Amino acid sequence: MKLVYVITQGGWGGAQAHVFDLISSAVQLNNQIWLICGSTGRLTDEIMHIFPKVHVIVLDDLCREVSFSHDLKAVMYLRRIFRRVKPDIIHLHSAKAGTIGRIAAYHISPVIYTVHGWAFTTGVSKKRALLAIAVERVLQPLTARYICVSKFDYNLGIKKGLMNKRHPGTVIHNGVRKEVFQHSLIKKHPTIVMAARFDVPKRQDLLIRALEKISDKSLHLILLGDGPKLLACQELANNLNIENRVHFLGSVTNVREYYADADIVMLISDYEALPISIIEGLASAKPIIASNVGGINELIQNNGFLVANSVNEIVQCVQLLLENRNLRNDMGQKSFEMFQNEYTERKMLSKTFNLYNSVMQIKR
């Protein structure tokens, strides 16, 4: 089978980790694979290093920003590639790649579009949401199948009339593999870990402000990731005089090494689909505190707390968990059970490749 994966950015995040896992599995199944990105980064570097037979193509014109000239060139270049490769399936990831890719694939190959959060999801501006809905309705006829990574996104797509019998959608939750990391022999401080890019829609700033108000001054906060808002968050920690308790560790290759020593895994954000960083927290058997947005409520039941983006509410939930070891352990165990039942990499890959096969049968 010839499979082409298209994603806007070649760096690293939840969508990129998802694509990496799909390509890894597709290679093991002896498929011919193409990866097309708008930029280079960890995803492209690792694919080229680990899977040298995968054809990696970087299109500079496939950028996140809306630009008529760049977007037109990206459509033309992609269409040229699709015509040459004649893929059995084109699998698109991220909103911009989903838009450009579907136009470029017209009458060439069936398209599967994975929705890592709709561009009109709750929390985005009304103007942006209306434009995104209009674009999606135009592109609906060009979509063979939708994959939604959360029930929240699936229901939102149904509500907006984007998925129907001719262009069906299905929920395939993100999944991660089981990995075990040892705790440090000496643990000096209780710790919270949040792994996320310092950019919209993440709210590391609220977590930093909450840390300053928490009564236990031995608590440390580890923030993993980089991005344009990193400097502002560092300045905030300095201004609140807690810079010695907030650790900015940058982009890391394995988040779960840091989760192993965490007392609580957190994600504070203005909007989300189904964050892989929280699923990694489930796999690490940690209690979770996260914003009550998007599909996050599908990941938190009796294994943590959903919070509004309120400093006081964050403080209350953190202090409750810090003061009760038994509660932390119980919630951590429930997190791991949830991971095993629904969010394993094996389950995600199996469902995705079954979908590929069903689309191939229709094509024939």
Protein backbone atom coordinates (compact mmCIF):
# COMPACT_ATOMS: atom_id res chain seq x y z
CA MET A 1 0.00 0.00 0.00
CA LYS A 2 1.23 3.50 -0.81
CA LEU A 3 0.50 5.89 2.06
CA VAL A 4 1.15 9.63 2.09
CA TYR A 5 1.08 11.51 5.39
CA VAL A 6 0.86 15.31 5.34
CA ILE A 7 1.27 17.55 8.39
CA THR A 8 1.99 21.27 8.55
CA GLN A 9 4.91 21.32 10.98
CA GLY A 10 7.80 18.89 11.22
CA GLY A 11 8.64 19.74 14.81
CA TRP A 12 7.14 17.85 17.74
CA GLY A 13 3.81 17.86 19.51
CA GLY A 14 0.82 15.60 19.98
CA ALA A 15 -0.08 15.44 16.28
CA GLN A 16 3.54 14.82 15.27
CA ALA A 17 3.94 12.03 17.83
CA HIS A 18 0.74 10.50 16.45
CA VAL A 19 2.06 10.63 12.87
CA PHE A 20 5.39 9.14 13.96
CA ASP A 21 3.60 6.14 15.49
CA LEU A 22 1.49 5.65 12.35
CA ILE A 23 4.54 5.73 10.10
CA SER A 24 6.47 3.39 12.39
CA SER A 25 3.68 0.82 12.19
CA ALA A 26 3.15 1.32 8.45
CA VAL A 27 6.85 0.68 7.78
CA GLN A 28 6.73 -2.55 9.79
CA LEU A 29 3.81 -3.66 7.61
CA ASN A 30 5.97 -3.12 4.49
CA ASN A 31 3.99 -0.22 3.10
CA GLN A 32 5.55 2.48 0.92
CA ILE A 33 5.48 5.72 2.88
CA TRP A 34 5.80 9.42 2.06
CA LEU A 35 5.89 12.13 4.75
CA ILE A 36 5.25 15.71 3.61
CA CYS A 37 5.79 18.59 6.06
CA GLY A 38 5.91 22.35 5.85
CA SER A 39 9.05 22.54 8.00
CA THR A 40 11.84 20.41 9.40
CA GLY A 41 12.21 19.42 13.04
CA ARG A 42 12.25 16.46 15.36
CA LEU A 43 9.58 14.55 13.40
CA THR A 44 11.39 14.78 10.07
CA ASP A 45 14.80 14.20 11.70
CA GLU A 46 13.70 11.04 13.50
CA ILE A 47 11.85 9.62 10.50
CA MET A 48 14.88 10.12 8.24
CA HIS A 49 17.22 8.63 10.84
CA ILE A 50 15.13 5.63 11.93
CA PHE A 51 13.26 4.90 8.68
CA PRO A 52 15.57 5.85 5.79
CA LYS A 53 13.25 4.24 3.22
CA VAL A 54 10.47 6.72 4.03
CA HIS A 55 10.35 9.52 1.45
CA VAL A 56 10.47 12.80 3.41
CA ILE A 57 9.51 15.94 1.48
CA VAL A 58 9.59 19.46 2.95
CA LEU A 59 7.42 22.12 1.32
CA ASP A 60 8.28 25.56 2.63
CA ASP A 61 5.03 26.94 1.23
CA LEU A 62 2.98 24.65 3.49
CA CYS A 63 2.93 27.12 6.40
CA ARG A 64 0.51 27.76 9.26
CA GLU A 65 -0.17 31.37 8.30
CA VAL A 66 -2.79 32.13 5.67
CA SER A 67 -1.02 33.38 2.53
CA PHE A 68 -2.62 33.28 -0.90
CA SER A 69 0.69 32.95 -2.75
CA HIS A 70 2.17 30.31 -0.41
CA ASP A 71 -1.10 28.38 -0.19
CA LEU A 72 -1.52 28.30 -3.97
CA LYS A 73 2.05 27.07 -4.43
CA ALA A 74 1.54 24.43 -1.74
CA VAL A 75 -1.58 23.13 -3.49
CA MET A 76 0.27 22.96 -6.82
CA TYR A 77 3.34 21.22 -5.36
CA LEU A 78 1.25 18.73 -3.39
CA ARG A 79 -0.94 17.95 -6.38
CA ARG A 80 2.17 17.31 -8.47
CA ILE A 81 3.48 14.90 -5.82
CA PHE A 82 0.14 13.12 -5.46
CA ARG A 83 -0.12 12.64 -9.23
CA ARG A 84 3.40 11.22 -9.39
CA VAL A 85 3.06 8.90 -6.38
CA LYS A 86 -0.57 7.85 -6.98
CA PRO A 87 -1.06 6.92 -3.29
CA ASP A 88 -3.70 4.47 -2.17
CA ILE A 89 -4.53 6.75 0.76
CA ILE A 90 -3.60 10.32 1.68
CA HIS A 91 -3.78 10.87 5.43
CA LEU A 92 -3.86 14.52 6.50
CA HIS A 93 -3.09 15.94 9.95
CA SER A 94 -3.54 19.48 11.33
CA ALA A 95 -5.99 22.08 10.08
CA LYS A 96 -3.79 23.77 7.46
CA ALA A 97 -2.51 20.51 5.96
CA GLY A 98 -6.09 19.25 6.05
CA THR A 99 -7.22 22.24 4.00
CA ILE A 100 -4.40 22.39 1.45
CA GLY A 101 -4.13 18.60 1.20
CA ARG A 102 -7.79 17.99 0.41
CA ILE A 103 -7.79 20.57 -2.37
CA ALA A 104 -4.59 19.12 -3.85
CA ALA A 105 -5.90 15.53 -3.70
CA TYR A 106 -9.08 16.27 -5.69
CA HIS A 107 -9.85 13.33 -8.01
CA ILE A 108 -6.48 11.68 -7.30
CA SER A 109 -6.70 9.56 -4.14
CA PRO A 110 -9.08 9.06 -1.20
CA VAL A 111 -8.37 11.34 1.73
CA ILE A 112 -8.57 10.59 5.44
CA TYR A 113 -8.47 13.70 7.61
CA THR A 114 -7.60 13.31 11.29
CA VAL A 115 -9.09 16.11 13.34
CA HIS A 116 -6.66 16.98 16.13
CA GLY A 117 -9.20 19.55 17.31
CA TRP A 118 -11.48 21.49 14.96
CA ALA A 119 -10.34 24.99 14.03
CA PHE A 120 -13.78 26.19 15.21
CA THR A 121 -13.63 24.45 18.59
CA THR A 122 -14.96 26.03 21.77
CA GLY A 123 -12.54 28.71 22.94
CA VAL A 124 -11.47 30.19 19.59
CA SER A 125 -12.74 33.59 18.48
CA LYS A 126 -16.19 33.78 16.86
CA LYS A 127 -14.77 35.26 13.65
CA ARG A 128 -12.19 32.49 13.32
CA ALA A 129 -14.79 29.82 14.12
CA LEU A 130 -17.26 31.04 11.46
CA LEU A 131 -14.52 31.10 8.82
CA ALA A 132 -13.29 27.62 9.80
CA ILE A 133 -16.82 26.15 9.61
CA ALA A 134 -17.33 27.66 6.15
CA VAL A 135 -14.02 26.21 4.92
CA GLU A 136 -14.83 22.76 6.35
CA ARG A 137 -18.22 22.69 4.62
CA VAL A 138 -16.57 23.45 1.28
CA LEU A 139 -13.99 20.69 1.86
CA GLN A 140 -16.47 18.07 3.07
CA PRO A 141 -17.04 16.53 -0.42
CA LEU A 142 -13.26 16.03 -0.72
CA THR A 143 -13.05 13.94 2.48
CA ALA A 144 -13.47 10.16 2.29
CA ARG A 145 -13.28 9.66 6.06
CA TYR A 146 -12.84 11.78 9.16
CA ILE A 147 -10.99 10.52 12.22
CA CYS A 148 -11.75 12.40 15.43
CA VAL A 149 -9.37 11.83 18.33
CA SER A 150 -12.08 12.61 20.87
CA LYS A 151 -15.83 12.12 21.26
CA PHE A 152 -16.04 15.85 21.86
CA ASP A 153 -14.72 16.60 18.36
CA TYR A 154 -16.88 13.88 16.82
CA ASN A 155 -20.04 15.34 18.38
CA LEU A 156 -19.00 18.83 17.32
CA GLY A 157 -18.49 17.65 13.72
CA ILE A 158 -21.91 15.98 13.70
CA LYS A 159 -23.53 19.08 15.16
CA LYS A 160 -22.07 21.25 12.39
CA GLY A 161 -23.18 18.79 9.71
CA LEU A 162 -19.66 17.97 8.55
CA MET A 163 -19.92 14.19 8.87
CA ASN A 164 -22.69 12.09 7.31
CA LYS A 165 -23.24 8.75 5.55
CA ARG A 166 -21.30 9.79 2.46
CA HIS A 167 -18.47 11.33 4.47
CA PRO A 168 -18.50 9.41 7.74
CA GLY A 169 -16.42 10.04 10.80
CA THR A 170 -15.18 7.77 13.53
CA VAL A 171 -13.55 8.22 16.93
CA ILE A 172 -10.06 6.77 17.28
CA HIS A 173 -8.50 7.93 20.51
CA ASN A 174 -4.83 8.81 20.62
CA GLY A 175 -2.77 6.04 22.14
CA VAL A 176 0.72 5.63 23.57
CA ARG A 177 2.89 2.63 24.31
CA LYS A 178 3.50 1.30 27.80
CA GLU A 179 6.88 2.34 29.17
CA VAL A 180 8.27 2.02 32.67
CA PHE A 181 10.76 4.47 34.16
CA GLN A 182 12.31 4.19 37.59
CA HIS A 183 11.75 6.80 40.27
CA SER A 184 14.80 8.66 41.54
CA LEU A 185 16.32 7.08 44.65
CA ILE A 186 16.21 10.43 46.45
CA LYS A 187 13.22 12.72 45.85
CA LYS A 188 13.81 16.10 47.46
CA HIS A 189 10.57 17.93 46.66
CA PRO A 190 6.94 17.27 45.75
CA THR A 191 6.61 18.06 42.05
CA ILE A 192 4.05 18.98 39.41
CA VAL A 193 4.87 18.43 35.73
CA MET A 194 3.24 20.06 32.73
CA ALA A 195 4.43 19.14 29.23
CA ALA A 196 3.26 21.54 26.53
CA ARG A 197 4.50 24.04 24.00
CA PHE A 198 4.66 27.63 25.30
CA ASP A 199 2.12 28.95 22.83
CA VAL A 200 -1.61 29.40 22.31
CA PRO A 201 -3.74 27.75 23.72
CA LYS A 202 -1.55 26.57 26.64
CA ARG A 203 -1.67 28.47 29.94
CA GLN A 204 1.54 27.80 31.84
CA ASP A 205 1.15 31.32 33.22
CA LEU A 206 -1.88 30.30 35.31
CA LEU A 207 0.00 27.35 36.75
CA ILE A 208 2.94 29.58 37.70
CA ARG A 209 0.57 32.01 39.44
CA ALA A 210 -1.08 29.10 41.26
CA LEU A 211 2.29 27.81 42.49
CA GLU A 212 2.97 31.15 44.15
CA LYS A 213 -0.28 30.85 46.15
CA ILE A 214 0.02 27.20 47.23
CA SER A 215 0.79 26.93 50.92
CA ASP A 216 3.41 24.17 50.56
CA LYS A 217 6.49 26.18 49.58
CA SER A 218 8.52 23.00 49.01
CA LEU A 219 6.42 22.26 45.90
CA HIS A 220 8.32 22.51 42.60
CA LEU A 221 6.93 22.96 39.11
CA ILE A 222 8.60 21.37 36.07
CA LEU A 223 7.60 22.83 32.72
CA LEU A 224 8.60 20.88 29.61
CA GLY A 225 8.55 22.45 26.16
CA ASP A 226 9.55 25.59 24.31
CA GLY A 227 7.82 28.21 22.23
CA PRO A 228 7.18 31.94 21.82
CA LYS A 229 5.66 32.46 25.29
CA LEU A 230 8.54 30.83 27.18
CA LEU A 231 10.34 34.10 27.95
CA ALA A 232 7.17 35.74 29.32
CA CYS A 233 6.60 32.78 31.66
CA GLN A 234 10.20 32.92 32.87
CA GLU A 235 9.79 36.63 33.60
CA LEU A 236 6.53 35.92 35.47
CA ALA A 237 8.26 33.38 37.72
CA ASN A 238 11.02 35.90 38.43
CA ASN A 239 8.53 38.68 39.23
CA LEU A 240 6.69 36.38 41.67
CA ASN A 241 10.03 35.45 43.33
CA ILE A 242 9.51 31.72 42.72
CA GLU A 243 12.14 31.27 40.01
CA ASN A 244 13.97 28.74 42.21
CA ARG A 245 10.85 26.51 42.27
CA VAL A 246 9.92 26.70 38.58
CA HIS A 247 12.13 24.67 36.26
CA PHE A 248 12.00 25.37 32.52
CA LEU A 249 13.60 22.32 30.95
CA GLY A 250 12.85 22.98 27.29
CA SER A 251 11.89 20.37 24.72
CA VAL A 252 12.60 16.81 25.86
CA THR A 253 12.58 13.50 24.00
CA ASN A 254 10.65 11.46 26.56
CA VAL A 255 8.15 13.19 28.79
CA ARG A 256 7.51 10.09 30.87
CA GLU A 257 11.01 10.12 32.32
CA TYR A 258 9.92 13.32 34.09
CA TYR A 259 6.44 12.01 34.87
CA ALA A 260 8.02 9.11 36.80
CA ASP A 261 8.99 11.44 39.65
CA ALA A 262 5.90 13.67 39.47
CA ASP A 263 3.27 13.73 42.19
CA ILE A 264 0.74 15.30 39.80
CA VAL A 265 0.56 15.65 36.02
CA MET A 266 -1.18 18.81 34.83
CA LEU A 267 -2.32 20.54 31.65
CA ILE A 268 -3.86 24.01 31.77
CA SER A 269 -5.14 25.17 28.40
CA ASP A 270 -7.82 27.34 26.77
CA TYR A 271 -8.91 24.62 24.32
CA GLU A 272 -7.86 21.07 23.41
CA ALA A 273 -8.81 17.96 21.47
CA LEU A 274 -7.42 14.89 23.26
CA PRO A 275 -3.92 15.74 24.54
CA ILE A 276 -1.28 13.03 24.27
CA SER A 277 0.54 14.60 27.24
CA ILE A 278 -2.39 13.61 29.48
CA ILE A 279 -2.56 10.12 27.97
CA GLU A 280 1.13 9.76 28.83
CA GLY A 281 0.15 10.78 32.36
CA LEU A 282 -2.42 7.96 32.41
CA ALA A 283 0.21 5.49 31.20
CA SER A 284 2.53 6.74 33.97
CA ALA A 285 -0.17 6.02 36.60
CA LYS A 286 -0.40 9.63 37.79
CA PRO A 287 -3.32 11.68 39.09
CA ILE A 288 -4.29 14.38 36.60
CA ILE A 289 -5.41 17.97 37.00
CA ALA A 290 -6.44 19.62 33.75
CA SER A 291 -8.63 22.32 32.24
CA ASN A 292 -12.23 21.33 31.57
CA VAL A 293 -12.06 22.01 27.83
CA GLY A 294 -12.49 19.96 24.64
CA GLY A 295 -12.14 16.22 25.02
CA ILE A 296 -10.17 16.34 28.26
CA ASN A 297 -13.20 15.24 30.28
CA GLU A 298 -12.95 11.90 28.44
CA LEU A 299 -9.56 11.39 30.11
CA ILE A 300 -10.49 12.40 33.65
CA GLN A 301 -13.17 10.60 35.59
CA ASN A 302 -12.18 9.31 39.02
CA ASN A 303 -8.47 9.74 38.32
CA GLY A 304 -8.09 13.47 38.87
CA PHE A 305 -9.78 16.85 38.70
CA LEU A 306 -11.19 18.99 35.93
CA VAL A 307 -10.75 22.69 36.64
CA ALA A 308 -11.81 26.01 35.23
CA ASN A 309 -8.90 28.22 34.21
CA SER A 310 -8.98 29.84 37.61
CA VAL A 311 -5.89 30.22 39.79
CA ASN A 312 -7.90 29.66 42.98
CA GLU A 313 -9.51 26.47 41.66
CA ILE A 314 -6.13 25.13 40.54
CA VAL A 315 -4.68 25.88 43.98
CA GLN A 316 -7.51 24.05 45.78
CA CYS A 317 -7.15 20.89 43.70
CA VAL A 318 -3.36 20.78 43.93
CA GLN A 319 -3.42 21.22 47.71
CA LEU A 320 -6.06 18.51 48.10
CA LEU A 321 -3.88 15.99 46.25
CA LEU A 322 -0.65 17.03 47.94
CA GLU A 323 -2.20 16.57 51.38
CA ASN A 324 -3.59 13.10 50.66
CA ARG A 325 -1.10 10.45 49.51
CA ASN A 326 -3.75 7.71 49.46
CA LEU A 327 -5.93 9.79 47.15
CA ARG A 328 -2.98 10.38 44.82
CA ASN A 329 -2.18 6.67 44.71
CA ASP A 330 -5.81 5.69 44.14
CA MET A 331 -6.24 8.19 41.32
CA GLY A 332 -2.94 7.12 39.78
CA GLN A 333 -4.09 3.51 39.69
CA LYS A 334 -7.36 4.55 38.04
CA SER A 335 -5.35 6.50 35.44
CA PHE A 336 -3.38 3.39 34.53
CA GLU A 337 -6.52 1.27 34.28
CA MET A 338 -8.06 3.83 31.93
CA PHE A 339 -4.91 3.77 29.78
CA GLN A 340 -4.94 -0.03 29.52
CA ASN A 341 -8.64 -0.12 28.63
CA GLU A 342 -8.76 2.55 25.93
CA TYR A 343 -5.59 4.51 25.20
CA THR A 344 -2.88 2.05 24.17
CA GLU A 345 -0.88 2.58 21.02
CA ARG A 346 -1.83 -0.92 19.84
CA LYS A 347 -5.54 -0.12 19.97
CA MET A 348 -5.10 3.18 18.13
CA LEU A 349 -2.98 1.61 15.38
CA SER A 350 -5.33 -1.35 14.92
CA LYS A 351 -8.37 0.88 14.47
CA THR A 352 -6.54 3.20 12.06
CA PHE A 353 -5.23 0.45 9.78
CA ASN A 354 -8.63 -1.25 9.77
CA LEU A 355 -10.01 2.05 8.51
CA TYR A 356 -7.35 2.16 5.79
CA ASN A 357 -8.44 -1.29 4.65
CA SER A 358 -12.12 -0.32 4.56
CA VAL A 359 -11.33 2.77 2.47
CA MET A 360 -9.24 0.62 0.10
CA GLN A 361 -12.16 -1.79 -0.36
CA ILE A 362 -14.46 1.08 -1.30
CA LYS A 363 -11.82 2.38 -3.73
CA ARG A 364 -11.73 -0.96 -5.52
